[in-house]
Amino acid sequence: MTPSTPSIQPQIQQAANAAERLTDSAEQAVSGLRERVIPAAVRLASQAEDLAHRGYDAVRDGSQQLRERAVDARERGVRYVREEPVKAVLIAAAAGAALMALAQLVSHRRSDRP
């Protein structure tokens, strides 16, 4: 062996100690990060679940209101036909004629296209 070999040994030990300190520091950083990230992820998941439930409830409530409005409109229509049958027939005939005129207009325009 050369005389310079023993002088490298302390430098190797210093490098090993520095690597060990770096490893410990990295483990502490990962542990600290894990302690902050996991609870935040759990909170986010809970908030997302709450939002989904609120959205579902809003859609359910909206569809229920729409259903109630449709039933109410149908009942008003039936009542109007019972109370004013002649007017109801005339209104239905006028609406049918208007729809037919609109349908003919649209089909006529389509046939004019090249």
C-alpha atoms as a PDB file:
ATOM      1  CA  MET A   1       0.000   0.000   0.000  1.00  0.00           C
ATOM      2  CA  THR A   2       0.996   3.535  -0.611  1.00  0.00           C
ATOM      3  CA  PRO A   3       1.390   6.023   2.201  1.00  0.00           C
ATOM      4  CA  SER A   4      -1.512   8.149   0.856  1.00  0.00           C
ATOM      5  CA  THR A   5      -4.154   5.420   1.450  1.00  0.00           C
ATOM      6  CA  PRO A   6      -4.617   6.010   5.200  1.00  0.00           C
ATOM      7  CA  SER A   7      -5.282   9.722   4.601  1.00  0.00           C
ATOM      8  CA  ILE A   8      -8.332   8.926   2.437  1.00  0.00           C
ATOM      9  CA  GLN A   9     -10.032   6.910   5.197  1.00  0.00           C
ATOM     10  CA  PRO A  10     -11.267   9.983   7.162  1.00  0.00           C
ATOM     11  CA  GLN A  11     -12.670  11.513   3.977  1.00  0.00           C
ATOM     12  CA  ILE A  12     -14.557   8.313   3.178  1.00  0.00           C
ATOM     13  CA  GLN A  13     -15.952   8.273   6.723  1.00  0.00           C
ATOM     14  CA  GLN A  14     -17.035  11.919   6.368  1.00  0.00           C
ATOM     15  CA  ALA A  15     -18.768  11.146   3.078  1.00  0.00           C
ATOM     16  CA  ALA A  16     -20.549   8.154   4.660  1.00  0.00           C
ATOM     17  CA  ASN A  17     -21.643  10.313   7.606  1.00  0.00           C
ATOM     18  CA  ALA A  18     -22.895  13.024   5.243  1.00  0.00           C
ATOM     19  CA  ALA A  19     -24.820  10.426   3.216  1.00  0.00           C
ATOM     20  CA  GLU A  20     -26.381   9.050   6.403  1.00  0.00           C
ATOM     21  CA  ARG A  21     -27.390  12.551   7.544  1.00  0.00           C
ATOM     22  CA  LEU A  22     -28.837  13.217   4.100  1.00  0.00           C
ATOM     23  CA  THR A  23     -30.811   9.946   4.232  1.00  0.00           C
ATOM     24  CA  ASP A  24     -32.142  10.789   7.698  1.00  0.00           C
ATOM     25  CA  SER A  25     -33.111  14.257   6.522  1.00  0.00           C
ATOM     26  CA  ALA A  26     -34.904  12.855   3.473  1.00  0.00           C
ATOM     27  CA  GLU A  27     -36.774  10.320   5.637  1.00  0.00           C
ATOM     28  CA  GLN A  28     -37.878  13.108   7.991  1.00  0.00           C
ATOM     29  CA  ALA A  29     -39.020  15.236   5.057  1.00  0.00           C
ATOM     30  CA  VAL A  30     -41.015  12.345   3.567  1.00  0.00           C
ATOM     31  CA  SER A  31     -42.538  11.558   6.953  1.00  0.00           C
ATOM     32  CA  GLY A  32     -43.516  15.190   7.485  1.00  0.00           C
ATOM     33  CA  LEU A  33     -44.933  15.391   3.993  1.00  0.00           C
ATOM     34  CA  ARG A  34     -46.914  12.187   4.540  1.00  0.00           C
ATOM     35  CA  GLU A  35     -48.328  13.614   7.801  1.00  0.00           C
ATOM     36  CA  ARG A  36     -49.600  16.685   5.906  1.00  0.00           C
ATOM     37  CA  VAL A  37     -50.661  15.112   2.597  1.00  0.00           C
ATOM     38  CA  ILE A  38     -52.743  12.196   3.878  1.00  0.00           C
ATOM     39  CA  PRO A  39     -55.077  14.328   6.049  1.00  0.00           C
ATOM     40  CA  ALA A  40     -55.419  16.848   3.210  1.00  0.00           C
ATOM     41  CA  ALA A  41     -56.320  14.067   0.768  1.00  0.00           C
ATOM     42  CA  VAL A  42     -58.894  12.710   3.222  1.00  0.00           C
ATOM     43  CA  ARG A  43     -60.406  16.209   3.591  1.00  0.00           C
ATOM     44  CA  LEU A  44     -60.539  16.641  -0.187  1.00  0.00           C
ATOM     45  CA  ALA A  45     -62.219  13.272  -0.640  1.00  0.00           C
ATOM     46  CA  SER A  46     -64.779  14.157   2.016  1.00  0.00           C
ATOM     47  CA  GLN A  47     -65.467  17.528   0.394  1.00  0.00           C
ATOM     48  CA  ALA A  48     -65.866  15.889  -3.015  1.00  0.00           C
ATOM     49  CA  GLU A  49     -68.320  13.397  -1.539  1.00  0.00           C
ATOM     50  CA  ASP A  50     -70.304  16.230   0.079  1.00  0.00           C
ATOM     51  CA  LEU A  51     -70.436  18.102  -3.224  1.00  0.00           C
ATOM     52  CA  ALA A  52     -71.633  14.989  -5.031  1.00  0.00           C
ATOM     53  CA  HIS A  53     -74.392  14.475  -2.460  1.00  0.00           C
ATOM     54  CA  ARG A  54     -75.464  18.112  -2.716  1.00  0.00           C
ATOM     55  CA  GLY A  55     -75.539  17.877  -6.505  1.00  0.00           C
ATOM     56  CA  TYR A  56     -77.601  14.700  -6.369  1.00  0.00           C
ATOM     57  CA  ASP A  57     -80.022  16.302  -3.904  1.00  0.00           C
ATOM     58  CA  ALA A  58     -80.341  19.422  -6.081  1.00  0.00           C
ATOM     59  CA  VAL A  59     -81.118  17.342  -9.188  1.00  0.00           C
ATOM     60  CA  ARG A  60     -83.630  15.237  -7.269  1.00  0.00           C
ATOM     61  CA  ASP A  61     -85.348  18.342  -5.856  1.00  0.00           C
ATOM     62  CA  GLY A  62     -85.377  20.035  -9.259  1.00  0.00           C
ATOM     63  CA  SER A  63     -86.900  17.005 -10.966  1.00  0.00           C
ATOM     64  CA  GLN A  64     -89.538  16.754  -8.245  1.00  0.00           C
ATOM     65  CA  GLN A  65     -90.470  20.421  -8.743  1.00  0.00           C
ATOM     66  CA  LEU A  66     -90.617  19.927 -12.504  1.00  0.00           C
ATOM     67  CA  ARG A  67     -92.862  16.899 -12.063  1.00  0.00           C
ATOM     68  CA  GLU A  68     -95.174  18.879  -9.786  1.00  0.00           C
ATOM     69  CA  ARG A  69     -95.351  21.748 -12.288  1.00  0.00           C
ATOM     70  CA  ALA A  70     -96.183  19.344 -15.126  1.00  0.00           C
ATOM     71  CA  VAL A  71     -98.973  17.744 -13.107  1.00  0.00           C
ATOM     72  CA  ASP A  72    -100.320  21.179 -12.198  1.00  0.00           C
ATOM     73  CA  ALA A  73    -100.244  22.345 -15.836  1.00  0.00           C
ATOM     74  CA  ARG A  74    -102.011  19.164 -16.963  1.00  0.00           C
ATOM     75  CA  GLU A  75    -104.698  19.630 -14.318  1.00  0.00           C
ATOM     76  CA  ARG A  76    -105.214  23.264 -15.358  1.00  0.00           C
ATOM     77  CA  GLY A  77    -105.499  22.173 -19.004  1.00  0.00           C
ATOM     78  CA  VAL A  78    -108.060  19.504 -18.190  1.00  0.00           C
ATOM     79  CA  ARG A  79    -110.032  21.965 -16.064  1.00  0.00           C
ATOM     80  CA  TYR A  80    -109.986  24.551 -18.888  1.00  0.00           C
ATOM     81  CA  VAL A  81    -111.238  21.991 -21.407  1.00  0.00           C
ATOM     82  CA  ARG A  82    -114.090  21.033 -19.045  1.00  0.00           C
ATOM     83  CA  GLU A  83    -115.044  24.643 -18.369  1.00  0.00           C
ATOM     84  CA  GLU A  84    -114.589  25.980 -21.949  1.00  0.00           C
ATOM     85  CA  PRO A  85    -114.835  23.054 -24.383  1.00  0.00           C
ATOM     86  CA  VAL A  86    -115.618  25.157 -27.467  1.00  0.00           C
ATOM     87  CA  LYS A  87    -112.747  27.563 -26.848  1.00  0.00           C
ATOM     88  CA  ALA A  88    -110.420  24.646 -26.174  1.00  0.00           C
ATOM     89  CA  VAL A  89    -111.328  23.004 -29.492  1.00  0.00           C
ATOM     90  CA  LEU A  90    -110.883  26.283 -31.368  1.00  0.00           C
ATOM     91  CA  ILE A  91    -107.515  26.901 -29.711  1.00  0.00           C
ATOM     92  CA  ALA A  92    -106.395  23.345 -30.534  1.00  0.00           C
ATOM     93  CA  ALA A  93    -107.490  23.759 -34.159  1.00  0.00           C
ATOM     94  CA  ALA A  94    -105.667  27.087 -34.474  1.00  0.00           C
ATOM     95  CA  ALA A  95    -102.513  25.603 -32.917  1.00  0.00           C
ATOM     96  CA  GLY A  96    -102.699  22.608 -35.264  1.00  0.00           C
ATOM     97  CA  ALA A  97    -103.109  24.873 -38.280  1.00  0.00           C
ATOM     98  CA  ALA A  98    -100.165  26.998 -37.196  1.00  0.00           C
ATOM     99  CA  LEU A  99     -97.997  23.900 -36.754  1.00  0.00           C
ATOM    100  CA  MET A 100     -98.986  22.584 -40.175  1.00  0.00           C
ATOM    101  CA  ALA A 101     -98.176  25.942 -41.794  1.00  0.00           C
ATOM    102  CA  LEU A 102     -94.796  25.959 -40.034  1.00  0.00           C
ATOM    103  CA  ALA A 103     -94.086  22.379 -41.114  1.00  0.00           C
ATOM    104  CA  GLN A 104     -94.946  23.184 -44.731  1.00  0.00           C
ATOM    105  CA  LEU A 105     -92.751  26.281 -44.614  1.00  0.00           C
ATOM    106  CA  VAL A 106     -89.809  24.319 -43.277  1.00  0.00           C
ATOM    107  CA  SER A 107     -90.230  21.460 -45.744  1.00  0.00           C
ATOM    108  CA  HIS A 108     -90.633  23.926 -48.604  1.00  0.00           C
ATOM    109  CA  ARG A 109     -87.378  25.655 -47.668  1.00  0.00           C
ATOM    110  CA  ARG A 110     -85.558  22.327 -47.476  1.00  0.00           C
ATOM    111  CA  SER A 111     -86.733  21.344 -50.934  1.00  0.00           C
ATOM    112  CA  ASP A 112     -85.476  24.692 -52.344  1.00  0.00           C
ATOM    113  CA  ARG A 113     -81.909  23.974 -51.199  1.00  0.00           C
ATOM    114  CA  PRO A 114     -79.499  22.658 -53.843  1.00  0.00           C
END
